[in-house]
PDB file of N, CA and C in Angstrom:
ATOM      1  N   MET A   1      67.378  48.931 -57.357  1.00  0.00           N
ATOM      2  CA  MET A   1      68.324  49.630 -56.838  1.00  0.00           C
ATOM      3  C   MET A   1      67.890  49.894 -55.408  1.00  0.00           C
ATOM      4  N   ARG A   2      69.297  49.486 -54.431  1.00  0.00           N
ATOM      5  CA  ARG A   2      69.111  50.137 -53.011  1.00  0.00           C
ATOM      6  C   ARG A   2      70.081  50.710 -52.566  1.00  0.00           C
ATOM      7  N   TRP A   3      69.878  51.918 -51.749  1.00  0.00           N
ATOM      8  CA  TRP A   3      71.385  52.800 -51.389  1.00  0.00           C
ATOM      9  C   TRP A   3      71.791  52.345 -49.607  1.00  0.00           C
ATOM     10  N   SER A   4      72.739  52.315 -49.168  1.00  0.00           N
ATOM     11  CA  SER A   4      73.173  51.657 -48.110  1.00  0.00           C
ATOM     12  C   SER A   4      73.659  52.632 -47.749  1.00  0.00           C
ATOM     13  N   TYR A   5      74.171  53.424 -46.210  1.00  0.00           N
ATOM     14  CA  TYR A   5      74.708  54.159 -45.357  1.00  0.00           C
ATOM     15  C   TYR A   5      76.095  53.714 -45.214  1.00  0.00           C
ATOM     16  N   HIS A   6      75.930  52.767 -44.736  1.00  0.00           N
ATOM     17  CA  HIS A   6      77.085  51.924 -44.621  1.00  0.00           C
ATOM     18  C   HIS A   6      78.072  50.519 -44.499  1.00  0.00           C
ATOM     19  N   LEU A   7      77.390  49.452 -45.029  1.00  0.00           N
ATOM     20  CA  LEU A   7      78.393  48.579 -45.162  1.00  0.00           C
ATOM     21  C   LEU A   7      77.733  48.168 -46.760  1.00  0.00           C
ATOM     22  N   GLU A   8      77.673  47.289 -47.579  1.00  0.00           N
ATOM     23  CA  GLU A   8      77.257  46.511 -48.633  1.00  0.00           C
ATOM     24  C   GLU A   8      76.301  45.702 -48.548  1.00  0.00           C
ATOM     25  N   ILE A   9      74.546  46.106 -48.994  1.00  0.00           N
ATOM     26  CA  ILE A   9      74.260  45.187 -48.536  1.00  0.00           C
ATOM     27  C   ILE A   9      74.356  43.346 -49.051  1.00  0.00           C
ATOM     28  N   ASP A  10      74.166  42.773 -48.255  1.00  0.00           N
ATOM     29  CA  ASP A  10      74.073  41.034 -48.608  1.00  0.00           C
ATOM     30  C   ASP A  10      73.197  40.561 -49.648  1.00  0.00           C
ATOM     31  N   ASN A  11      73.439  40.115 -50.426  1.00  0.00           N
ATOM     32  CA  ASN A  11      73.529  39.530 -51.778  1.00  0.00           C
ATOM     33  C   ASN A  11      72.763  39.963 -52.834  1.00  0.00           C
ATOM     34  N   MET A  12      73.516  41.288 -52.866  1.00  0.00           N
ATOM     35  CA  MET A  12      73.657  42.586 -53.873  1.00  0.00           C
ATOM     36  C   MET A  12      75.216  42.465 -54.416  1.00  0.00           C
ATOM     37  N   ARG A  13      74.494  43.607 -55.168  1.00  0.00           N
ATOM     38  CA  ARG A  13      76.126  43.528 -56.055  1.00  0.00           C
ATOM     39  C   ARG A  13      75.886  45.240 -55.819  1.00  0.00           C
ATOM     40  N   CYS A  14      77.490  45.867 -55.151  1.00  0.00           N
ATOM     41  CA  CYS A  14      77.275  47.016 -54.544  1.00  0.00           C
ATOM     42  C   CYS A  14      79.129  47.520 -54.826  1.00  0.00           C
ATOM     43  N   VAL A  15      78.189  49.058 -55.362  1.00  0.00           N
ATOM     44  CA  VAL A  15      79.499  50.142 -55.858  1.00  0.00           C
ATOM     45  C   VAL A  15      79.352  50.842 -54.710  1.00  0.00           C
ATOM     46  N   LEU A  16      81.148  51.576 -53.986  1.00  0.00           N
ATOM     47  CA  LEU A  16      81.201  52.296 -53.235  1.00  0.00           C
ATOM     48  C   LEU A  16      81.005  53.720 -53.832  1.00  0.00           C
ATOM     49  N   VAL A  17      80.765  54.948 -53.258  1.00  0.00           N
ATOM     50  CA  VAL A  17      80.035  55.733 -53.999  1.00  0.00           C
ATOM     51  C   VAL A  17      81.305  56.691 -53.229  1.00  0.00           C
ATOM     52  N   TYR A  18      82.945  57.018 -53.510  1.00  0.00           N
ATOM     53  CA  TYR A  18      83.797  57.108 -52.630  1.00  0.00           C
ATOM     54  C   TYR A  18      83.795  58.139 -51.817  1.00  0.00           C
ATOM     55  N   TYR A  19      83.176  59.709 -52.237  1.00  0.00           N
ATOM     56  CA  TYR A  19      83.107  60.672 -51.854  1.00  0.00           C
ATOM     57  C   TYR A  19      82.375  60.721 -50.210  1.00  0.00           C
ATOM     58  N   TRP A  20      81.911  59.263 -50.174  1.00  0.00           N
ATOM     59  CA  TRP A  20      80.886  59.285 -48.761  1.00  0.00           C
ATOM     60  C   TRP A  20      81.922  58.016 -47.980  1.00  0.00           C
ATOM     61  N   ASN A  21      82.600  57.622 -48.644  1.00  0.00           N
ATOM     62  CA  ASN A  21      83.390  56.487 -47.835  1.00  0.00           C
ATOM     63  C   ASN A  21      82.718  55.445 -47.458  1.00  0.00           C
ATOM     64  N   ASP A  22      81.355  55.363 -47.000  1.00  0.00           N
ATOM     65  CA  ASP A  22      80.465  54.153 -46.706  1.00  0.00           C
ATOM     66  C   ASP A  22      79.171  53.920 -47.581  1.00  0.00           C
ATOM     67  N   ASN A  23      79.285  54.609 -48.346  1.00  0.00           N
ATOM     68  CA  ASN A  23      77.964  54.958 -48.868  1.00  0.00           C
ATOM     69  C   ASN A  23      77.819  53.899 -50.301  1.00  0.00           C
ATOM     70  N   TYR A  24      77.331  52.897 -50.711  1.00  0.00           N
ATOM     71  CA  TYR A  24      76.878  52.633 -51.360  1.00  0.00           C
ATOM     72  C   TYR A  24      75.907  52.226 -52.925  1.00  0.00           C
ATOM     73  N   LEU A  25      75.632  51.980 -53.778  1.00  0.00           N
ATOM     74  CA  LEU A  25      74.282  51.897 -54.780  1.00  0.00           C
ATOM     75  C   LEU A  25      74.058  50.761 -55.174  1.00  0.00           C
ATOM     76  N   CYS A  26      73.305  49.629 -54.752  1.00  0.00           N
ATOM     77  CA  CYS A  26      73.383  48.519 -54.231  1.00  0.00           C
ATOM     78  C   CYS A  26      72.643  47.285 -55.591  1.00  0.00           C
ATOM     79  N   VAL A  27      72.858  46.765 -56.597  1.00  0.00           N
ATOM     80  CA  VAL A  27      71.405  46.405 -57.309  1.00  0.00           C
ATOM     81  C   VAL A  27      71.155  44.689 -57.269  1.00  0.00           C
ATOM     82  N   PRO A  28      70.263  44.267 -57.680  1.00  0.00           N
ATOM     83  CA  PRO A  28      70.540  42.878 -57.678  1.00  0.00           C
ATOM     84  C   PRO A  28      71.400  41.993 -58.174  1.00  0.00           C
ATOM     85  N   GLN A  29      72.246  41.075 -57.484  1.00  0.00           N
ATOM     86  CA  GLN A  29      73.684  40.346 -58.363  1.00  0.00           C
ATOM     87  C   GLN A  29      73.245  39.900 -59.754  1.00  0.00           C
ATOM     88  N   ASP A  30      72.051  39.278 -60.338  1.00  0.00           N
ATOM     89  CA  ASP A  30      71.169  38.850 -61.466  1.00  0.00           C
ATOM     90  C   ASP A  30      71.672  40.009 -62.535  1.00  0.00           C
ATOM     91  N   LEU A  31      71.274  41.410 -62.444  1.00  0.00           N
ATOM     92  CA  LEU A  31      71.273  42.289 -63.329  1.00  0.00           C
ATOM     93  C   LEU A  31      72.280  42.614 -64.172  1.00  0.00           C
ATOM     94  N   PRO A  32      72.262  43.015 -65.645  1.00  0.00           N
ATOM     95  CA  PRO A  32      73.048  42.153 -66.323  1.00  0.00           C
ATOM     96  C   PRO A  32      73.548  44.096 -66.441  1.00  0.00           C
ATOM     97  N   TYR A  33      73.726  44.714 -65.609  1.00  0.00           N
ATOM     98  CA  TYR A  33      74.398  45.555 -65.749  1.00  0.00           C
ATOM     99  C   TYR A  33      75.926  45.828 -64.520  1.00  0.00           C
ATOM    100  N   HIS A  34      76.853  45.997 -64.477  1.00  0.00           N
ATOM    101  CA  HIS A  34      77.617  46.807 -63.541  1.00  0.00           C
ATOM    102  C   HIS A  34      78.569  47.797 -63.449  1.00  0.00           C
ATOM    103  N   PHE A  35      77.917  48.358 -62.684  1.00  0.00           N
ATOM    104  CA  PHE A  35      78.234  49.567 -62.324  1.00  0.00           C
ATOM    105  C   PHE A  35      80.409  50.068 -61.304  1.00  0.00           C
ATOM    106  N   GLN A  36      80.331  51.088 -62.173  1.00  0.00           N
ATOM    107  CA  GLN A  36      81.957  50.997 -61.803  1.00  0.00           C
ATOM    108  C   GLN A  36      81.615  53.200 -61.444  1.00  0.00           C
ATOM    109  N   TRP A  37      82.209  53.514 -60.317  1.00  0.00           N
ATOM    110  CA  TRP A  37      82.356  54.775 -59.702  1.00  0.00           C
ATOM    111  C   TRP A  37      83.491  55.811 -59.840  1.00  0.00           C
ATOM    112  N   SER A  38      83.238  56.798 -60.655  1.00  0.00           N
ATOM    113  CA  SER A  38      84.493  57.534 -61.297  1.00  0.00           C
ATOM    114  C   SER A  38      84.327  59.265 -61.044  1.00  0.00           C
ATOM    115  N   GLU A  39      85.830  59.071 -59.600  1.00  0.00           N
ATOM    116  CA  GLU A  39      85.997  60.685 -59.344  1.00  0.00           C
ATOM    117  C   GLU A  39      86.724  61.634 -60.501  1.00  0.00           C
ATOM    118  N   VAL A  40      87.011  60.765 -61.395  1.00  0.00           N
ATOM    119  CA  VAL A  40      87.703  61.811 -62.215  1.00  0.00           C
ATOM    120  C   VAL A  40      86.998  61.890 -63.650  1.00  0.00           C
ATOM    121  N   GLY A  41      85.978  61.787 -64.051  1.00  0.00           N
ATOM    122  CA  GLY A  41      85.720  61.737 -65.347  1.00  0.00           C
ATOM    123  C   GLY A  41      84.905  60.689 -65.854  1.00  0.00           C
ATOM    124  N   GLU A  42      84.586  60.506 -66.931  1.00  0.00           N
ATOM    125  CA  GLU A  42      83.614  59.279 -67.557  1.00  0.00           C
ATOM    126  C   GLU A  42      84.874  58.590 -67.780  1.00  0.00           C
ATOM    127  N   ILE A  43      84.295  57.215 -67.676  1.00  0.00           N
ATOM    128  CA  ILE A  43      85.286  56.208 -67.934  1.00  0.00           C
ATOM    129  C   ILE A  43      85.092  55.617 -69.282  1.00  0.00           C
ATOM    130  N   GLU A  44      85.822  55.555 -70.223  1.00  0.00           N
ATOM    131  CA  GLU A  44      86.342  54.913 -71.926  1.00  0.00           C
ATOM    132  C   GLU A  44      85.785  54.197 -72.114  1.00  0.00           C
ATOM    133  N   ASN A  45      84.740  53.656 -72.733  1.00  0.00           N
ATOM    134  CA  ASN A  45      83.858  52.348 -74.054  1.00  0.00           C
ATOM    135  C   ASN A  45      82.584  52.533 -72.583  1.00  0.00           C
ATOM    136  N   GLU A  46      82.380  52.880 -71.961  1.00  0.00           N
ATOM    137  CA  GLU A  46      81.321  52.985 -71.048  1.00  0.00           C
ATOM    138  C   GLU A  46      80.455  54.133 -70.834  1.00  0.00           C
ATOM    139  N   GLU A  47      78.948  53.347 -70.293  1.00  0.00           N
ATOM    140  CA  GLU A  47      77.700  53.929 -70.442  1.00  0.00           C
ATOM    141  C   GLU A  47      77.918  55.162 -68.936  1.00  0.00           C
ATOM    142  N   CYS A  48      78.004  56.963 -69.499  1.00  0.00           N
ATOM    143  CA  CYS A  48      78.174  57.380 -67.962  1.00  0.00           C
ATOM    144  C   CYS A  48      77.368  58.114 -67.586  1.00  0.00           C
ATOM    145  N   LEU A  49      76.814  58.484 -66.387  1.00  0.00           N
ATOM    146  CA  LEU A  49      76.137  59.661 -65.600  1.00  0.00           C
ATOM    147  C   LEU A  49      76.207  60.008 -64.744  1.00  0.00           C
ATOM    148  N   ARG A  50      76.462  61.622 -65.162  1.00  0.00           N
ATOM    149  CA  ARG A  50      77.253  62.465 -64.003  1.00  0.00           C
ATOM    150  C   ARG A  50      76.247  62.774 -63.361  1.00  0.00           C
ATOM    151  N   TRP A  51      76.775  62.530 -61.969  1.00  0.00           N
ATOM    152  CA  TRP A  51      76.463  62.537 -60.643  1.00  0.00           C
ATOM    153  C   TRP A  51      76.823  64.157 -60.159  1.00  0.00           C
ATOM    154  N   ASN A  52      75.730  64.681 -59.935  1.00  0.00           N
ATOM    155  CA  ASN A  52      76.091  65.836 -59.465  1.00  0.00           C
ATOM    156  C   ASN A  52      75.140  66.204 -57.184  1.00  0.00           C
ATOM    157  N   GLU A  53      76.252  67.101 -57.113  1.00  0.00           N
ATOM    158  CA  GLU A  53      75.917  67.364 -55.714  1.00  0.00           C
ATOM    159  C   GLU A  53      75.740  68.705 -55.469  1.00  0.00           C
ATOM    160  N   PRO A  54      74.248  69.767 -56.034  1.00  0.00           N
ATOM    161  CA  PRO A  54      74.405  71.048 -56.191  1.00  0.00           C
ATOM    162  C   PRO A  54      74.507  71.637 -54.490  1.00  0.00           C
ATOM    163  N   VAL A  55      74.337  71.382 -53.316  1.00  0.00           N
ATOM    164  CA  VAL A  55      75.199  71.832 -52.305  1.00  0.00           C
ATOM    165  C   VAL A  55      77.144  71.730 -52.150  1.00  0.00           C
ATOM    166  N   ASP A  56      77.512  71.526 -52.880  1.00  0.00           N
ATOM    167  CA  ASP A  56      79.076  71.120 -53.166  1.00  0.00           C
ATOM    168  C   ASP A  56      79.343  70.881 -54.123  1.00  0.00           C
ATOM    169  N   PRO A  57      78.921  71.697 -55.505  1.00  0.00           N
ATOM    170  CA  PRO A  57      79.097  71.403 -56.984  1.00  0.00           C
ATOM    171  C   PRO A  57      80.755  71.568 -57.205  1.00  0.00           C
ATOM    172  N   ASP A  58      81.645  72.112 -56.269  1.00  0.00           N
ATOM    173  CA  ASP A  58      83.334  72.269 -56.719  1.00  0.00           C
ATOM    174  C   ASP A  58      83.690  70.633 -56.411  1.00  0.00           C
ATOM    175  N   MET A  59      83.097  69.996 -55.378  1.00  0.00           N
ATOM    176  CA  MET A  59      83.743  69.163 -55.527  1.00  0.00           C
ATOM    177  C   MET A  59      82.965  67.127 -56.067  1.00  0.00           C
ATOM    178  N   TRP A  60      82.370  67.683 -57.195  1.00  0.00           N
ATOM    179  CA  TRP A  60      81.339  67.081 -57.680  1.00  0.00           C
ATOM    180  C   TRP A  60      80.886  67.177 -59.789  1.00  0.00           C
ATOM    181  N   HIS A  61      82.004  67.976 -59.790  1.00  0.00           N
ATOM    182  CA  HIS A  61      82.364  68.619 -61.269  1.00  0.00           C
ATOM    183  C   HIS A  61      82.387  67.310 -62.324  1.00  0.00           C
ATOM    184  N   ASP A  62      83.666  65.985 -61.808  1.00  0.00           N
ATOM    185  CA  ASP A  62      83.639  65.227 -62.694  1.00  0.00           C
ATOM    186  C   ASP A  62      83.176  63.927 -62.046  1.00  0.00           C
ATOM    187  N   ASN A  63      82.511  63.523 -61.189  1.00  0.00           N
ATOM    188  CA  ASN A  63      81.756  62.757 -60.720  1.00  0.00           C
ATOM    189  C   ASN A  63      80.831  61.697 -61.481  1.00  0.00           C
ATOM    190  N   TYR A  64      81.266  60.241 -61.561  1.00  0.00           N
ATOM    191  CA  TYR A  64      80.110  59.886 -63.140  1.00  0.00           C
ATOM    192  C   TYR A  64      79.906  58.496 -62.366  1.00  0.00           C
ATOM    193  N   LEU A  65      78.975  57.950 -62.534  1.00  0.00           N
ATOM    194  CA  LEU A  65      78.081  56.184 -62.434  1.00  0.00           C
ATOM    195  C   LEU A  65      78.437  55.399 -63.893  1.00  0.00           C
ATOM    196  N   CYS A  66      79.090  54.703 -64.021  1.00  0.00           N
ATOM    197  CA  CYS A  66      79.339  54.589 -64.807  1.00  0.00           C
ATOM    198  C   CYS A  66      78.771  52.930 -65.192  1.00  0.00           C
ATOM    199  N   THR A  67      78.694  52.393 -66.550  1.00  0.00           N
ATOM    200  CA  THR A  67      78.585  51.112 -66.641  1.00  0.00           C
ATOM    201  C   THR A  67      78.277  50.168 -68.028  1.00  0.00           C
ATOM    202  N   HIS A  68      78.682  49.286 -67.627  1.00  0.00           N
ATOM    203  CA  HIS A  68      78.932  48.314 -68.945  1.00  0.00           C
ATOM    204  C   HIS A  68      77.820  46.873 -68.462  1.00  0.00           C
ATOM    205  N   HIS A  69      77.023  46.937 -69.682  1.00  0.00           N
ATOM    206  CA  HIS A  69      76.800  45.537 -70.216  1.00  0.00           C
ATOM    207  C   HIS A  69      77.059  44.032 -70.087  1.00  0.00           C
ATOM    208  N   ALA A  70      77.171  43.277 -68.807  1.00  0.00           N
ATOM    209  CA  ALA A  70      77.217  42.231 -69.213  1.00  0.00           C
ATOM    210  C   ALA A  70      76.904  41.808 -70.365  1.00  0.00           C
ATOM    211  N   LYS A  71      78.295  40.375 -70.785  1.00  0.00           N
ATOM    212  CA  LYS A  71      77.401  39.940 -72.247  1.00  0.00           C
ATOM    213  C   LYS A  71      77.570  38.221 -71.757  1.00  0.00           C
ATOM    214  N   THR A  72      75.802  37.634 -72.182  1.00  0.00           N
ATOM    215  CA  THR A  72      75.978  36.569 -71.562  1.00  0.00           C
ATOM    216  C   THR A  72      76.482  35.450 -72.623  1.00  0.00           C
ATOM    217  N   ILE A  73      76.793  34.476 -72.366  1.00  0.00           N
ATOM    218  CA  ILE A  73      76.791  33.113 -73.283  1.00  0.00           C
ATOM    219  C   ILE A  73      75.886  32.216 -73.250  1.00  0.00           C
TER     220      ILE A  73
END
């Protein structure tokens, strides 16, 4: 995993972390997990991890990084 403060990283699959508008969490394209960001709670039928920002707890109480495993054929 790599973090970018400005743009998506070439040759990686990236998810925008909404509150920062230009920050991305990126993973290798062949990783079998596909991430989604949610600022309105967990996404149904996905595994989610609450994303916390201790210096701004009021804005971050319902932010999650979620994933599902891509099935291969």
